[in-house]
Amino acid sequence: MNSQPHIAPAHPSWFKSSYSNGSGGECVECAWTEEGVIVRDSKQVDDTVVAIASHPWQAFVRGVDLPDHR
Protein backbone atom coordinates (compact mmCIF):
# COMPACT_ATOMS: atom_id res chain seq x y z
CA MET A 1 0.00 0.00 0.00
CA ASN A 2 1.26 3.45 -0.90
CA SER A 3 1.56 5.70 2.14
CA GLN A 4 2.38 8.82 0.12
CA PRO A 5 -0.22 11.60 0.31
CA HIS A 6 -2.29 12.19 -2.82
CA ILE A 7 -1.11 15.44 -4.39
CA ALA A 8 -3.43 17.20 -6.83
CA PRO A 9 -1.83 18.88 -9.83
CA ALA A 10 -1.35 22.65 -9.52
CA HIS A 11 -3.72 23.31 -12.45
CA PRO A 12 -5.90 20.26 -13.00
CA SER A 13 -7.80 19.88 -16.27
CA TRP A 14 -11.35 19.57 -14.92
CA PHE A 15 -14.06 17.96 -17.04
CA LYS A 16 -17.76 17.29 -16.52
CA SER A 17 -19.69 14.17 -17.35
CA SER A 18 -20.95 13.90 -20.91
CA TYR A 19 -24.37 13.42 -19.25
CA SER A 20 -24.21 16.96 -17.79
CA ASN A 21 -26.69 19.13 -19.67
CA GLY A 22 -25.25 22.49 -18.66
CA SER A 23 -28.61 23.83 -17.44
CA GLY A 24 -27.55 24.17 -13.81
CA GLY A 25 -28.32 20.67 -12.61
CA GLU A 26 -26.22 19.06 -9.93
CA CYS A 27 -22.93 17.83 -11.37
CA VAL A 28 -19.45 16.80 -10.43
CA GLU A 29 -16.20 17.55 -12.18
CA CYS A 30 -13.21 15.23 -12.41
CA ALA A 31 -9.54 15.64 -13.26
CA TRP A 32 -6.95 12.94 -13.88
CA THR A 33 -3.85 12.78 -11.70
CA GLU A 34 -0.83 10.49 -11.70
CA GLU A 35 -2.45 8.40 -8.95
CA GLY A 36 -6.04 8.33 -10.20
CA VAL A 37 -8.70 11.02 -10.25
CA ILE A 38 -9.82 14.00 -8.18
CA VAL A 39 -13.51 14.91 -7.92
CA ARG A 40 -15.27 18.12 -6.87
CA ASP A 41 -18.73 19.68 -6.86
CA SER A 42 -19.01 21.86 -9.98
CA LYS A 43 -20.99 24.47 -8.01
CA GLN A 44 -18.49 24.59 -5.12
CA VAL A 45 -15.19 24.66 -6.99
CA ASP A 46 -13.25 26.14 -4.06
CA ASP A 47 -14.57 23.57 -1.61
CA THR A 48 -13.48 19.99 -0.87
CA VAL A 49 -11.74 17.87 -3.51
CA VAL A 50 -11.90 14.10 -3.13
CA ALA A 51 -8.93 12.04 -4.36
CA ILE A 52 -9.57 8.47 -5.54
CA ALA A 53 -6.86 6.00 -6.58
CA SER A 54 -7.05 4.42 -10.04
CA HIS A 55 -8.30 0.93 -9.13
CA PRO A 56 -11.20 2.04 -6.88
CA TRP A 57 -12.22 4.66 -9.47
CA GLN A 58 -12.25 2.06 -12.26
CA ALA A 59 -14.39 -0.25 -10.11
CA PHE A 60 -16.81 2.61 -9.42
CA VAL A 61 -17.13 3.50 -13.11
CA ARG A 62 -17.74 -0.15 -14.06
CA GLY A 63 -20.45 -0.36 -11.41
CA VAL A 64 -22.37 2.78 -12.42
CA ASP A 65 -25.68 1.96 -14.08
CA LEU A 66 -26.29 4.85 -16.48
CA PRO A 67 -29.69 5.40 -18.08
CA ASP A 68 -30.04 4.72 -21.77
CA HIS A 69 -30.16 8.09 -23.60
CA ARG A 70 -31.42 7.23 -27.08
PDB file of N, CA and C in Angstrom:
ATOM      1  N   MET A   1       0.845  -1.185   0.000  1.00  0.00           N
ATOM      2  CA  MET A   1       0.000   0.000   0.000  1.00  0.00           C
ATOM      3  C   MET A   1       0.882   1.237   0.000  1.00  0.00           C
ATOM      4  N   ASN A   2       0.498   2.215  -0.795  1.00  0.00           N
ATOM      5  CA  ASN A   2       1.257   3.450  -0.905  1.00  0.00           C
ATOM      6  C   ASN A   2       0.865   4.387   0.232  1.00  0.00           C
ATOM      7  N   SER A   3       1.847   4.810   1.016  1.00  0.00           N
ATOM      8  CA  SER A   3       1.561   5.703   2.137  1.00  0.00           C
ATOM      9  C   SER A   3       1.799   7.171   1.791  1.00  0.00           C
ATOM     10  N   GLN A   4       2.158   7.444   0.545  1.00  0.00           N
ATOM     11  CA  GLN A   4       2.381   8.821   0.124  1.00  0.00           C
ATOM     12  C   GLN A   4       1.049   9.568   0.034  1.00  0.00           C
ATOM     13  N   PRO A   5       1.020  10.833   0.431  1.00  0.00           N
ATOM     14  CA  PRO A   5      -0.221  11.598   0.305  1.00  0.00           C
ATOM     15  C   PRO A   5      -0.558  11.826  -1.162  1.00  0.00           C
ATOM     16  N   HIS A   6      -1.830  11.917  -1.465  1.00  0.00           N
ATOM     17  CA  HIS A   6      -2.290  12.192  -2.823  1.00  0.00           C
ATOM     18  C   HIS A   6      -2.136  13.685  -3.085  1.00  0.00           C
ATOM     19  N   ILE A   7      -1.357  14.037  -4.074  1.00  0.00           N
ATOM     20  CA  ILE A   7      -1.112  15.437  -4.393  1.00  0.00           C
ATOM     21  C   ILE A   7      -1.838  15.776  -5.696  1.00  0.00           C
ATOM     22  N   ALA A   8      -2.717  16.747  -5.634  1.00  0.00           N
ATOM     23  CA  ALA A   8      -3.432  17.199  -6.829  1.00  0.00           C
ATOM     24  C   ALA A   8      -2.508  18.070  -7.665  1.00  0.00           C
ATOM     25  N   PRO A   9      -2.634  18.010  -8.974  1.00  0.00           N
ATOM     26  CA  PRO A   9      -1.825  18.882  -9.826  1.00  0.00           C
ATOM     27  C   PRO A   9      -2.137  20.352  -9.541  1.00  0.00           C
ATOM     28  N   ALA A  10      -1.176  21.220  -9.789  1.00  0.00           N
ATOM     29  CA  ALA A  10      -1.355  22.651  -9.524  1.00  0.00           C
ATOM     30  C   ALA A  10      -2.503  23.238 -10.337  1.00  0.00           C
ATOM     31  N   HIS A  11      -2.661  22.810 -11.568  1.00  0.00           N
ATOM     32  CA  HIS A  11      -3.718  23.313 -12.450  1.00  0.00           C
ATOM     33  C   HIS A  11      -4.396  22.129 -13.137  1.00  0.00           C
ATOM     34  N   PRO A  12      -5.268  21.432 -12.407  1.00  0.00           N
ATOM     35  CA  PRO A  12      -5.900  20.256 -13.002  1.00  0.00           C
ATOM     36  C   PRO A  12      -6.795  20.618 -14.186  1.00  0.00           C
ATOM     37  N   SER A  13      -6.912  19.711 -15.115  1.00  0.00           N
ATOM     38  CA  SER A  13      -7.801  19.885 -16.273  1.00  0.00           C
ATOM     39  C   SER A  13      -9.148  19.265 -15.935  1.00  0.00           C
ATOM     40  N   TRP A  14     -10.043  20.056 -15.364  1.00  0.00           N
ATOM     41  CA  TRP A  14     -11.347  19.568 -14.922  1.00  0.00           C
ATOM     42  C   TRP A  14     -12.246  19.290 -16.117  1.00  0.00           C
ATOM     43  N   PHE A  15     -13.057  18.252 -16.013  1.00  0.00           N
ATOM     44  CA  PHE A  15     -14.057  17.960 -17.037  1.00  0.00           C
ATOM     45  C   PHE A  15     -15.331  17.480 -16.364  1.00  0.00           C
ATOM     46  N   LYS A  16     -16.458  17.731 -17.014  1.00  0.00           N
ATOM     47  CA  LYS A  16     -17.757  17.287 -16.520  1.00  0.00           C
ATOM     48  C   LYS A  16     -18.191  16.047 -17.288  1.00  0.00           C
ATOM     49  N   SER A  17     -19.112  15.340 -16.708  1.00  0.00           N
ATOM     50  CA  SER A  17     -19.686  14.172 -17.353  1.00  0.00           C
ATOM     51  C   SER A  17     -20.327  14.558 -18.679  1.00  0.00           C
ATOM     52  N   SER A  18     -20.267  13.661 -19.642  1.00  0.00           N
ATOM     53  CA  SER A  18     -20.953  13.897 -20.912  1.00  0.00           C
ATOM     54  C   SER A  18     -22.466  13.904 -20.713  1.00  0.00           C
ATOM     55  N   TYR A  19     -22.940  13.417 -19.562  1.00  0.00           N
ATOM     56  CA  TYR A  19     -24.367  13.425 -19.245  1.00  0.00           C
ATOM     57  C   TYR A  19     -24.805  14.746 -18.616  1.00  0.00           C
ATOM     58  N   SER A  20     -23.868  15.652 -18.358  1.00  0.00           N
ATOM     59  CA  SER A  20     -24.206  16.955 -17.793  1.00  0.00           C
ATOM     60  C   SER A  20     -24.826  17.807 -18.893  1.00  0.00           C
ATOM     61  N   ASN A  21     -25.999  18.384 -18.626  1.00  0.00           N
ATOM     62  CA  ASN A  21     -26.689  19.131 -19.673  1.00  0.00           C
ATOM     63  C   ASN A  21     -26.381  20.622 -19.660  1.00  0.00           C
ATOM     64  N   GLY A  22     -25.633  21.092 -18.694  1.00  0.00           N
ATOM     65  CA  GLY A  22     -25.250  22.494 -18.661  1.00  0.00           C
ATOM     66  C   GLY A  22     -26.353  23.455 -18.252  1.00  0.00           C
ATOM     67  N   SER A  23     -27.499  22.949 -17.807  1.00  0.00           N
ATOM     68  CA  SER A  23     -28.606  23.833 -17.441  1.00  0.00           C
ATOM     69  C   SER A  23     -28.684  24.088 -15.942  1.00  0.00           C
ATOM     70  N   GLY A  24     -27.580  23.859 -15.227  1.00  0.00           N
ATOM     71  CA  GLY A  24     -27.552  24.173 -13.809  1.00  0.00           C
ATOM     72  C   GLY A  24     -27.898  23.018 -12.893  1.00  0.00           C
ATOM     73  N   GLY A  25     -28.046  21.829 -13.446  1.00  0.00           N
ATOM     74  CA  GLY A  25     -28.317  20.667 -12.610  1.00  0.00           C
ATOM     75  C   GLY A  25     -27.110  20.313 -11.759  1.00  0.00           C
ATOM     76  N   GLU A  26     -27.329  19.472 -10.786  1.00  0.00           N
ATOM     77  CA  GLU A  26     -26.216  19.059  -9.926  1.00  0.00           C
ATOM     78  C   GLU A  26     -25.227  18.246 -10.749  1.00  0.00           C
ATOM     79  N   CYS A  27     -23.947  18.515 -10.577  1.00  0.00           N
ATOM     80  CA  CYS A  27     -22.932  17.832 -11.370  1.00  0.00           C
ATOM     81  C   CYS A  27     -21.607  17.817 -10.619  1.00  0.00           C
ATOM     82  N   VAL A  28     -20.806  16.853 -10.949  1.00  0.00           N
ATOM     83  CA  VAL A  28     -19.449  16.795 -10.428  1.00  0.00           C
ATOM     84  C   VAL A  28     -18.483  17.005 -11.575  1.00  0.00           C
ATOM     85  N   GLU A  29     -17.278  17.421 -11.218  1.00  0.00           N
ATOM     86  CA  GLU A  29     -16.196  17.553 -12.183  1.00  0.00           C
ATOM     87  C   GLU A  29     -15.072  16.636 -11.732  1.00  0.00           C
ATOM     88  N   CYS A  30     -14.335  16.121 -12.693  1.00  0.00           N
ATOM     89  CA  CYS A  30     -13.210  15.231 -12.412  1.00  0.00           C
ATOM     90  C   CYS A  30     -11.971  15.753 -13.120  1.00  0.00           C
ATOM     91  N   ALA A  31     -10.818  15.348 -12.614  1.00  0.00           N
ATOM     92  CA  ALA A  31      -9.544  15.642 -13.265  1.00  0.00           C
ATOM     93  C   ALA A  31      -8.620  14.459 -13.007  1.00  0.00           C
ATOM     94  N   TRP A  32      -7.900  14.048 -14.022  1.00  0.00           N
ATOM     95  CA  TRP A  32      -6.950  12.943 -13.883  1.00  0.00           C
ATOM     96  C   TRP A  32      -5.693  13.419 -13.163  1.00  0.00           C
ATOM     97  N   THR A  33      -5.126  12.533 -12.361  1.00  0.00           N
ATOM     98  CA  THR A  33      -3.846  12.781 -11.697  1.00  0.00           C
ATOM     99  C   THR A  33      -2.952  11.576 -11.978  1.00  0.00           C
ATOM    100  N   GLU A  34      -1.728  11.630 -11.525  1.00  0.00           N
ATOM    101  CA  GLU A  34      -0.827  10.487 -11.695  1.00  0.00           C
ATOM    102  C   GLU A  34      -1.307   9.268 -10.921  1.00  0.00           C
ATOM    103  N   GLU A  35      -2.011   9.491  -9.811  1.00  0.00           N
ATOM    104  CA  GLU A  35      -2.453   8.397  -8.947  1.00  0.00           C
ATOM    105  C   GLU A  35      -3.871   7.923  -9.226  1.00  0.00           C
ATOM    106  N   GLY A  36      -4.648   8.691  -9.972  1.00  0.00           N
ATOM    107  CA  GLY A  36      -6.041   8.332 -10.201  1.00  0.00           C
ATOM    108  C   GLY A  36      -6.844   9.517 -10.676  1.00  0.00           C
ATOM    109  N   VAL A  37      -7.809   9.932  -9.865  1.00  0.00           N
ATOM    110  CA  VAL A  37      -8.700  11.017 -10.252  1.00  0.00           C
ATOM    111  C   VAL A  37      -9.040  11.851  -9.019  1.00  0.00           C
ATOM    112  N   ILE A  38      -9.298  13.138  -9.240  1.00  0.00           N
ATOM    113  CA  ILE A  38      -9.822  13.995  -8.182  1.00  0.00           C
ATOM    114  C   ILE A  38     -11.212  14.438  -8.620  1.00  0.00           C
ATOM    115  N   VAL A  39     -12.103  14.606  -7.647  1.00  0.00           N
ATOM    116  CA  VAL A  39     -13.507  14.907  -7.915  1.00  0.00           C
ATOM    117  C   VAL A  39     -13.930  16.090  -7.057  1.00  0.00           C
ATOM    118  N   ARG A  40     -14.744  16.978  -7.629  1.00  0.00           N
ATOM    119  CA  ARG A  40     -15.267  18.118  -6.868  1.00  0.00           C
ATOM    120  C   ARG A  40     -16.683  18.433  -7.341  1.00  0.00           C
ATOM    121  N   ASP A  41     -17.390  19.188  -6.528  1.00  0.00           N
ATOM    122  CA  ASP A  41     -18.726  19.679  -6.863  1.00  0.00           C
ATOM    123  C   ASP A  41     -18.548  20.857  -7.820  1.00  0.00           C
ATOM    124  N   SER A  42     -19.189  20.803  -8.975  1.00  0.00           N
ATOM    125  CA  SER A  42     -19.009  21.857  -9.976  1.00  0.00           C
ATOM    126  C   SER A  42     -19.571  23.204  -9.530  1.00  0.00           C
ATOM    127  N   LYS A  43     -20.432  23.212  -8.514  1.00  0.00           N
ATOM    128  CA  LYS A  43     -20.986  24.467  -8.008  1.00  0.00           C
ATOM    129  C   LYS A  43     -20.213  25.001  -6.811  1.00  0.00           C
ATOM    130  N   GLN A  44     -19.292  24.205  -6.287  1.00  0.00           N
ATOM    131  CA  GLN A  44     -18.488  24.593  -5.121  1.00  0.00           C
ATOM    132  C   GLN A  44     -17.013  24.348  -5.440  1.00  0.00           C
ATOM    133  N   VAL A  45     -16.520  24.965  -6.485  1.00  0.00           N
ATOM    134  CA  VAL A  45     -15.186  24.660  -6.990  1.00  0.00           C
ATOM    135  C   VAL A  45     -14.054  24.971  -6.019  1.00  0.00           C
ATOM    136  N   ASP A  46     -14.282  25.822  -5.040  1.00  0.00           N
ATOM    137  CA  ASP A  46     -13.247  26.142  -4.064  1.00  0.00           C
ATOM    138  C   ASP A  46     -13.387  25.339  -2.792  1.00  0.00           C
ATOM    139  N   ASP A  47     -14.299  24.380  -2.787  1.00  0.00           N
ATOM    140  CA  ASP A  47     -14.566  23.566  -1.613  1.00  0.00           C
ATOM    141  C   ASP A  47     -13.743  22.266  -1.687  1.00  0.00           C
ATOM    142  N   THR A  48     -14.187  21.259  -1.003  1.00  0.00           N
ATOM    143  CA  THR A  48     -13.478  19.991  -0.871  1.00  0.00           C
ATOM    144  C   THR A  48     -13.264  19.287  -2.204  1.00  0.00           C
ATOM    145  N   VAL A  49     -12.074  18.715  -2.371  1.00  0.00           N
ATOM    146  CA  VAL A  49     -11.741  17.869  -3.514  1.00  0.00           C
ATOM    147  C   VAL A  49     -11.465  16.476  -2.960  1.00  0.00           C
ATOM    148  N   VAL A  50     -12.075  15.482  -3.567  1.00  0.00           N
ATOM    149  CA  VAL A  50     -11.900  14.096  -3.135  1.00  0.00           C
ATOM    150  C   VAL A  50     -10.938  13.407  -4.094  1.00  0.00           C
ATOM    151  N   ALA A  51      -9.905  12.765  -3.560  1.00  0.00           N
ATOM    152  CA  ALA A  51      -8.930  12.038  -4.365  1.00  0.00           C
ATOM    153  C   ALA A  51      -9.236  10.544  -4.294  1.00  0.00           C
ATOM    154  N   ILE A  52      -9.269   9.904  -5.458  1.00  0.00           N
ATOM    155  CA  ILE A  52      -9.570   8.475  -5.539  1.00  0.00           C
ATOM    156  C   ILE A  52      -8.494   7.805  -6.386  1.00  0.00           C
ATOM    157  N   ALA A  53      -7.894   6.746  -5.856  1.00  0.00           N
ATOM    158  CA  ALA A  53      -6.858   6.003  -6.576  1.00  0.00           C
ATOM    159  C   ALA A  53      -7.450   5.326  -7.812  1.00  0.00           C
ATOM    160  N   SER A  54      -6.608   4.967  -8.757  1.00  0.00           N
ATOM    161  CA  SER A  54      -7.047   4.415 -10.040  1.00  0.00           C
ATOM    162  C   SER A  54      -7.940   3.189  -9.930  1.00  0.00           C
ATOM    163  N   HIS A  55      -7.528   2.177  -9.185  1.00  0.00           N
ATOM    164  CA  HIS A  55      -8.297   0.929  -9.125  1.00  0.00           C
ATOM    165  C   HIS A  55      -9.686   1.121  -8.525  1.00  0.00           C
ATOM    166  N   PRO A  56      -9.843   1.802  -7.390  1.00  0.00           N
ATOM    167  CA  PRO A  56     -11.198   2.039  -6.878  1.00  0.00           C
ATOM    168  C   PRO A  56     -12.053   2.872  -7.843  1.00  0.00           C
ATOM    169  N   TRP A  57     -11.464   3.841  -8.526  1.00  0.00           N
ATOM    170  CA  TRP A  57     -12.221   4.657  -9.474  1.00  0.00           C
ATOM    171  C   TRP A  57     -12.714   3.793 -10.629  1.00  0.00           C
ATOM    172  N   GLN A  58     -11.848   2.939 -11.162  1.00  0.00           N
ATOM    173  CA  GLN A  58     -12.247   2.059 -12.259  1.00  0.00           C
ATOM    174  C   GLN A  58     -13.374   1.125 -11.834  1.00  0.00           C
ATOM    175  N   ALA A  59     -13.313   0.610 -10.615  1.00  0.00           N
ATOM    176  CA  ALA A  59     -14.385  -0.253 -10.106  1.00  0.00           C
ATOM    177  C   ALA A  59     -15.687   0.531  -9.991  1.00  0.00           C
ATOM    178  N   PHE A  60     -15.620   1.768  -9.519  1.00  0.00           N
ATOM    179  CA  PHE A  60     -16.805   2.612  -9.419  1.00  0.00           C
ATOM    180  C   PHE A  60     -17.435   2.835 -10.790  1.00  0.00           C
ATOM    181  N   VAL A  61     -16.612   3.216 -11.767  1.00  0.00           N
ATOM    182  CA  VAL A  61     -17.125   3.501 -13.111  1.00  0.00           C
ATOM    183  C   VAL A  61     -17.770   2.252 -13.718  1.00  0.00           C
ATOM    184  N   ARG A  62     -17.153   1.102 -13.537  1.00  0.00           N
ATOM    185  CA  ARG A  62     -17.740  -0.147 -14.059  1.00  0.00           C
ATOM    186  C   ARG A  62     -19.083  -0.451 -13.400  1.00  0.00           C
ATOM    187  N   GLY A  63     -19.244  -0.041 -12.143  1.00  0.00           N
ATOM    188  CA  GLY A  63     -20.454  -0.356 -11.408  1.00  0.00           C
ATOM    189  C   GLY A  63     -21.585   0.636 -11.575  1.00  0.00           C
ATOM    190  N   VAL A  64     -21.328   1.771 -12.235  1.00  0.00           N
ATOM    191  CA  VAL A  64     -22.370   2.775 -12.418  1.00  0.00           C
ATOM    192  C   VAL A  64     -23.359   2.293 -13.474  1.00  0.00           C
ATOM    193  N   ASP A  65     -24.624   2.354 -13.138  1.00  0.00           N
ATOM    194  CA  ASP A  65     -25.677   1.962 -14.077  1.00  0.00           C
ATOM    195  C   ASP A  65     -26.282   3.231 -14.663  1.00  0.00           C
ATOM    196  N   LEU A  66     -25.817   3.614 -15.848  1.00  0.00           N
ATOM    197  CA  LEU A  66     -26.285   4.853 -16.481  1.00  0.00           C
ATOM    198  C   LEU A  66     -27.559   4.592 -17.282  1.00  0.00           C
ATOM    199  N   PRO A  67     -28.478   5.555 -17.279  1.00  0.00           N
ATOM    200  CA  PRO A  67     -29.691   5.401 -18.077  1.00  0.00           C
ATOM    201  C   PRO A  67     -29.373   5.413 -19.562  1.00  0.00           C
ATOM    202  N   ASP A  68     -30.194   4.769 -20.320  1.00  0.00           N
ATOM    203  CA  ASP A  68     -30.036   4.721 -21.766  1.00  0.00           C
ATOM    204  C   ASP A  68     -30.591   6.012 -22.359  1.00  0.00           C
ATOM    205  N   HIS A  69     -29.742   6.811 -23.017  1.00  0.00           N
ATOM    206  CA  HIS A  69     -30.158   8.091 -23.605  1.00  0.00           C
ATOM    207  C   HIS A  69     -30.231   7.953 -25.126  1.00  0.00           C
ATOM    208  N   ARG A  70     -31.276   7.367 -25.621  1.00  0.00           N
ATOM    209  CA  ARG A  70     -31.419   7.227 -27.084  1.00  0.00           C
ATOM    210  C   ARG A  70     -32.300   8.290 -27.643  1.00  0.00           C
TER     211      ARG A  70
END
